[in-house]
Protein backbone atom coordinates (compact mmCIF):
# COMPACT_ATOMS: atom_id res chain seq x y z
CA MET A 1 -6.10 -15.46 4.80
CA PRO A 2 -9.04 -13.15 5.58
CA ALA A 3 -10.11 -10.47 3.18
CA ASN A 4 -8.89 -6.92 3.72
CA ILE A 5 -10.55 -3.58 3.07
CA GLY A 6 -8.89 -0.63 1.35
CA TYR A 7 -10.10 2.40 -0.55
CA ALA A 8 -9.66 2.33 -4.32
CA THR A 9 -10.89 3.77 -7.59
CA SER A 10 -12.27 1.37 -10.20
CA ASP A 11 -11.51 3.73 -13.10
CA ALA A 12 -10.12 7.23 -13.72
CA SER A 13 -13.44 8.97 -13.01
CA SER A 14 -14.55 6.97 -9.96
CA PRO A 15 -14.38 8.30 -6.40
CA LEU A 16 -12.50 6.35 -3.74
CA ALA A 17 -14.71 3.55 -2.42
CA PRO A 18 -14.18 0.55 -0.11
CA LEU A 19 -12.62 -2.44 -1.88
CA GLU A 20 -12.26 -5.91 -0.40
CA PHE A 21 -9.07 -7.68 -1.48
CA ASP A 22 -6.89 -10.66 -0.59
CA ARG A 23 -3.24 -10.17 0.29
CA SER A 24 -0.51 -12.24 -1.27
CA PRO A 25 1.31 -14.63 1.08
CA VAL A 26 4.27 -13.11 2.91
CA GLY A 27 7.43 -14.16 1.09
CA PRO A 28 11.09 -14.31 2.16
CA GLU A 29 11.70 -10.67 1.17
CA ASP A 30 8.40 -9.32 2.56
CA VAL A 31 7.11 -7.68 5.71
CA LEU A 32 3.35 -7.60 6.41
CA ILE A 33 2.42 -4.27 8.01
CA ASP A 34 -0.84 -3.64 9.85
CA ILE A 35 -1.44 -0.15 8.46
CA ARG A 36 -2.61 2.35 11.08
CA TYR A 37 -2.35 5.55 9.04
CA CYS A 38 -1.82 6.33 5.36
CA GLY A 39 -1.39 9.73 3.76
CA VAL A 40 -2.82 10.43 0.33
CA CYS A 41 -1.01 13.31 -1.34
CA HIS A 42 -1.67 15.18 -4.57
CA SER A 43 0.47 12.81 -6.66
CA ASP A 44 -1.80 9.96 -5.47
CA VAL A 45 -4.82 11.89 -6.78
CA HIS A 46 -3.13 12.27 -10.19
CA GLN A 47 -2.29 8.54 -10.18
CA ALA A 48 -5.88 7.57 -9.32
CA ARG A 49 -7.13 9.78 -12.18
CA ASP A 50 -4.62 8.17 -14.59
CA GLU A 51 -3.03 11.54 -15.36
CA PHE A 52 0.53 10.22 -15.67
CA ASP A 53 1.84 8.83 -18.96
CA GLY A 54 4.13 6.00 -19.93
CA ALA A 55 5.68 3.95 -17.14
CA LEU A 56 3.39 5.56 -14.54
CA ALA A 57 0.14 4.65 -16.32
CA THR A 58 -2.46 3.55 -13.78
CA THR A 59 -3.64 -0.02 -13.37
CA PHE A 60 -7.15 -0.31 -11.94
CA PRO A 61 -8.37 -0.83 -9.36
CA CYS A 62 -6.01 1.82 -7.98
CA MET A 63 -5.49 1.98 -4.21
CA PRO A 64 -3.57 5.24 -3.65
CA GLY A 65 -1.41 6.11 -0.68
CA HIS A 66 2.29 5.66 -0.11
CA GLU A 67 3.01 7.46 3.16
CA ILE A 68 2.31 4.57 5.53
CA VAL A 69 2.71 4.07 9.27
CA GLY A 70 1.88 0.77 10.95
CA ILE A 71 3.02 -2.18 13.00
CA VAL A 72 4.85 -5.23 11.70
CA ALA A 73 2.30 -8.07 11.75
CA GLU A 74 4.32 -10.84 10.11
CA THR A 75 7.79 -11.31 8.71
CA VAL A 76 10.04 -14.06 7.47
CA ALA A 77 12.49 -11.50 6.10
CA LYS A 78 16.17 -11.81 6.86
CA ASP A 79 16.41 -8.03 7.34
CA VAL A 80 17.08 -7.55 11.06
CA ARG A 81 15.35 -4.16 11.11
CA PHE A 82 12.02 -6.01 10.92
CA ARG A 83 12.78 -9.10 12.97
CA PHE A 84 10.10 -8.58 15.61
CA VAL A 85 6.39 -8.74 14.95
CA ILE A 86 5.49 -5.73 17.11
CA ASP A 87 8.06 -3.31 15.64
CA ASN A 88 6.79 0.04 14.38
CA ALA A 89 7.30 0.66 10.68
CA THR A 90 7.24 3.76 8.50
CA LEU A 91 7.31 3.46 4.72
CA ARG A 92 8.49 6.25 2.47
CA PRO A 93 8.24 6.69 -1.29
CA ALA A 94 11.28 5.61 -3.28
CA GLY A 95 13.93 8.30 -3.27
CA ALA A 96 12.55 10.06 -0.17
């Protein structure tokens, strides 16, 4: 699978910078989304700076952004909402 490019911080004081990474294979519960747009909100900035404690402690590299819009690129999921490869997809944070 080809490498992908995202923007990430390498530590709590680093600015966002391009990061090449490999995706995990798409599993039976997964949907691969070709991300077209991604919002980065203030909570993402706090996460990238490792300003949350406990269960929300940051693991680096940190690639912030959780408000995602894209197109389904691959799926083997049984969920019929994402059965077709060209479907539009919007992801929301948990609880939204």
